[in-house]
Amino acid sequence: MAKVFTIPVRPNPISRKPERKPDPRYVEGQRLLVQALKYLAQSDPQGNRSAIELLSEHFRTRFRMSDSPLQ
């Protein structure tokens, strides 16, 4: 059986990552997609079905729950 050695290292406060700031373009892009879906669904749900499916598929595949507006 292999042994695992851990060497404790004190954290270096200088090497910490800088604070991340949200990207307003990400949030605005998601808001625009939702507005487009709402508009298409309200104006002509049956006629715009293929456009709604396309946007919905893009929304589901490009923006996952694990996505973050932080860079």
Protein backbone atom coordinates (compact mmCIF):
# COMPACT_ATOMS: atom_id res chain seq x y z
CA MET A 1 0.00 0.00 0.00
CA ALA A 2 1.37 3.47 -0.88
CA LYS A 3 2.03 6.10 1.72
CA VAL A 4 0.91 9.67 1.25
CA PHE A 5 3.11 12.39 2.59
CA THR A 6 1.76 15.87 3.17
CA ILE A 7 4.10 18.74 3.63
CA PRO A 8 2.33 21.62 5.35
CA VAL A 9 2.86 24.95 3.65
CA ARG A 10 1.95 28.25 5.17
CA PRO A 11 -0.31 30.33 2.94
CA ASN A 12 1.32 33.26 1.25
CA PRO A 13 -1.01 36.31 1.36
CA ILE A 14 0.82 37.89 -1.60
CA SER A 15 0.00 34.99 -3.93
CA ARG A 16 -3.76 35.20 -3.38
CA LYS A 17 -5.89 35.67 -6.45
CA PRO A 18 -7.23 39.17 -7.01
CA GLU A 19 -10.90 39.77 -6.34
CA ARG A 20 -12.98 39.02 -9.42
CA LYS A 21 -15.57 41.50 -10.66
CA PRO A 22 -18.76 40.54 -12.50
CA ASP A 23 -18.94 41.16 -16.22
CA PRO A 24 -22.07 43.20 -17.01
CA ARG A 25 -22.05 41.91 -20.62
CA TYR A 26 -22.72 38.36 -19.38
CA VAL A 27 -25.75 39.40 -17.35
CA GLU A 28 -27.03 41.62 -20.17
CA GLY A 29 -26.68 38.77 -22.66
CA GLN A 30 -28.74 36.43 -20.52
CA ARG A 31 -31.37 39.14 -19.99
CA LEU A 32 -31.61 39.70 -23.76
CA LEU A 33 -32.07 35.99 -24.43
CA VAL A 34 -34.89 35.78 -21.89
CA GLN A 35 -36.59 38.86 -23.38
CA ALA A 36 -36.32 37.39 -26.88
CA LEU A 37 -37.86 34.11 -25.71
CA LYS A 38 -40.73 35.96 -24.00
CA TYR A 39 -41.40 38.12 -27.06
CA LEU A 40 -41.44 35.17 -29.45
CA ALA A 41 -43.67 33.13 -27.14
CA GLN A 42 -46.18 35.96 -26.69
CA SER A 43 -46.37 37.19 -30.29
CA ASP A 44 -46.91 33.87 -32.12
CA PRO A 45 -46.05 30.72 -30.16
CA GLN A 46 -46.76 28.27 -32.99
CA GLY A 47 -45.20 30.33 -35.77
CA ASN A 48 -42.07 31.07 -33.75
CA ARG A 49 -41.71 27.58 -32.35
CA SER A 50 -38.49 26.80 -34.24
CA ALA A 51 -36.91 30.13 -33.18
CA ILE A 52 -37.92 29.51 -29.56
CA GLU A 53 -36.41 26.04 -29.70
CA LEU A 54 -33.18 27.40 -31.19
CA LEU A 55 -32.79 30.10 -28.53
CA SER A 56 -33.81 27.71 -25.79
CA GLU A 57 -31.25 25.14 -26.92
CA HIS A 58 -28.56 27.82 -27.04
CA PHE A 59 -29.52 28.99 -23.57
CA ARG A 60 -29.40 25.47 -22.16
CA THR A 61 -26.08 24.50 -23.76
CA ARG A 62 -24.12 27.76 -23.49
CA PHE A 63 -25.22 28.96 -20.03
CA ARG A 64 -25.13 26.22 -17.47
CA MET A 65 -25.69 26.45 -13.74
CA SER A 66 -21.94 26.15 -13.27
CA ASP A 67 -21.36 29.28 -15.39
CA SER A 68 -20.46 32.40 -13.54
CA PRO A 69 -20.61 36.04 -14.55
CA LEU A 70 -17.25 36.51 -12.88
CA GLN A 71 -14.14 36.48 -15.03
